[in-house]
Amino acid sequence: MSHGSSKASWTAVLVCLAGILIGGIALIPAPNWVLFTIGAVMTLLAGPIGLIMSRAGLGAERAPGHGRTEQGVDEHRSTLD
């Protein structure tokens, strides 16, 4: 079992961590707001980057029995929820 490890997820995590690191360093000792904004934008773009890479085929496969079925509902959920 891969626990969702994929190129898409690792790229998203690393971009997010790099953005947090850049944003944090930008606040020491005197705030550099341009560098902080670059870090914040990187952090916010990490999710869409991972999603785009996942949809491009670089994400992990769904585990059997999880997700949508032909009827469009998750087979583990009751339709009365």
Protein backbone atom coordinates (compact mmCIF):
# COMPACT_ATOMS: atom_id res chain seq x y z
CA MET A 1 0.00 0.00 0.00
CA SER A 2 1.47 3.35 -1.04
CA HIS A 3 -0.45 5.60 1.42
CA GLY A 4 -0.98 8.06 -1.43
CA SER A 5 2.70 8.71 -2.09
CA SER A 6 3.05 10.00 -5.63
CA LYS A 7 4.94 12.58 -7.63
CA ALA A 8 1.92 14.88 -7.43
CA SER A 9 1.60 14.70 -3.65
CA TRP A 10 5.31 15.05 -2.96
CA THR A 11 5.58 18.02 -5.32
CA ALA A 12 2.62 19.74 -3.63
CA VAL A 13 4.10 19.15 -0.17
CA LEU A 14 7.55 20.41 -1.17
CA VAL A 15 6.15 23.54 -2.87
CA CYS A 16 4.06 24.23 0.24
CA LEU A 17 7.03 23.76 2.57
CA ALA A 18 9.24 25.95 0.38
CA GLY A 19 6.59 28.69 0.45
CA ILE A 20 6.30 28.50 4.23
CA LEU A 21 10.10 28.59 4.58
CA ILE A 22 10.44 31.59 2.25
CA GLY A 23 7.57 33.40 3.97
CA GLY A 24 9.00 32.71 7.41
CA ILE A 25 12.52 33.80 6.51
CA ALA A 26 11.09 36.96 4.93
CA LEU A 27 9.78 38.06 8.34
CA ILE A 28 13.20 37.86 10.06
CA PRO A 29 14.61 40.33 11.27
CA ALA A 30 12.68 43.08 9.45
CA PRO A 31 9.64 42.11 7.36
CA ASN A 32 10.27 41.88 3.64
CA TRP A 33 6.68 41.94 2.37
CA VAL A 34 7.51 41.15 -1.25
CA LEU A 35 9.34 37.96 -0.29
CA PHE A 36 6.63 37.09 2.22
CA THR A 37 3.97 37.48 -0.49
CA ILE A 38 5.95 35.21 -2.83
CA GLY A 39 6.08 32.58 -0.09
CA ALA A 40 2.35 32.93 0.62
CA VAL A 41 1.48 32.60 -3.07
CA MET A 42 3.67 29.49 -3.36
CA THR A 43 1.92 27.98 -0.35
CA LEU A 44 -1.53 28.70 -1.79
CA LEU A 45 -0.60 27.30 -5.22
CA ALA A 46 0.67 24.00 -3.80
CA GLY A 47 -2.83 22.47 -3.68
CA PRO A 48 -3.79 23.30 -7.27
CA ILE A 49 -0.36 22.16 -8.48
CA GLY A 50 -0.84 18.78 -6.83
CA LEU A 51 -4.37 18.48 -8.21
CA ILE A 52 -3.29 19.32 -11.76
CA MET A 53 -0.39 16.85 -11.58
CA SER A 54 -2.71 14.18 -10.17
CA ARG A 55 -5.21 14.67 -12.98
CA ALA A 56 -2.34 14.53 -15.48
CA GLY A 57 -1.66 10.97 -14.32
CA LEU A 58 1.08 11.57 -11.76
CA GLY A 59 -1.10 10.90 -8.71
CA ALA A 60 -1.70 7.71 -6.75
CA GLU A 61 -4.38 5.26 -7.84
CA ARG A 62 -7.52 4.96 -5.71
CA ALA A 63 -7.67 2.00 -3.40
CA PRO A 64 -10.17 -0.69 -4.47
CA GLY A 65 -13.59 -0.08 -2.97
CA HIS A 66 -13.07 3.66 -2.45
CA GLY A 67 -14.54 6.46 -4.47
CA ARG A 68 -17.46 6.67 -6.83
CA THR A 69 -19.26 3.79 -8.49
CA GLU A 70 -21.20 3.72 -11.75
CA GLN A 71 -24.25 4.97 -9.86
CA GLY A 72 -22.27 8.01 -8.69
CA VAL A 73 -22.34 7.29 -4.95
CA ASP A 74 -19.73 5.90 -2.62
CA GLU A 75 -20.50 2.24 -2.01
CA HIS A 76 -19.59 2.58 1.68
CA ARG A 77 -22.21 5.25 2.32
CA SER A 78 -25.86 4.78 2.81
CA THR A 79 -28.05 6.63 0.33
CA LEU A 80 -30.08 7.89 3.30
CA ASP A 81 -27.20 10.09 4.62
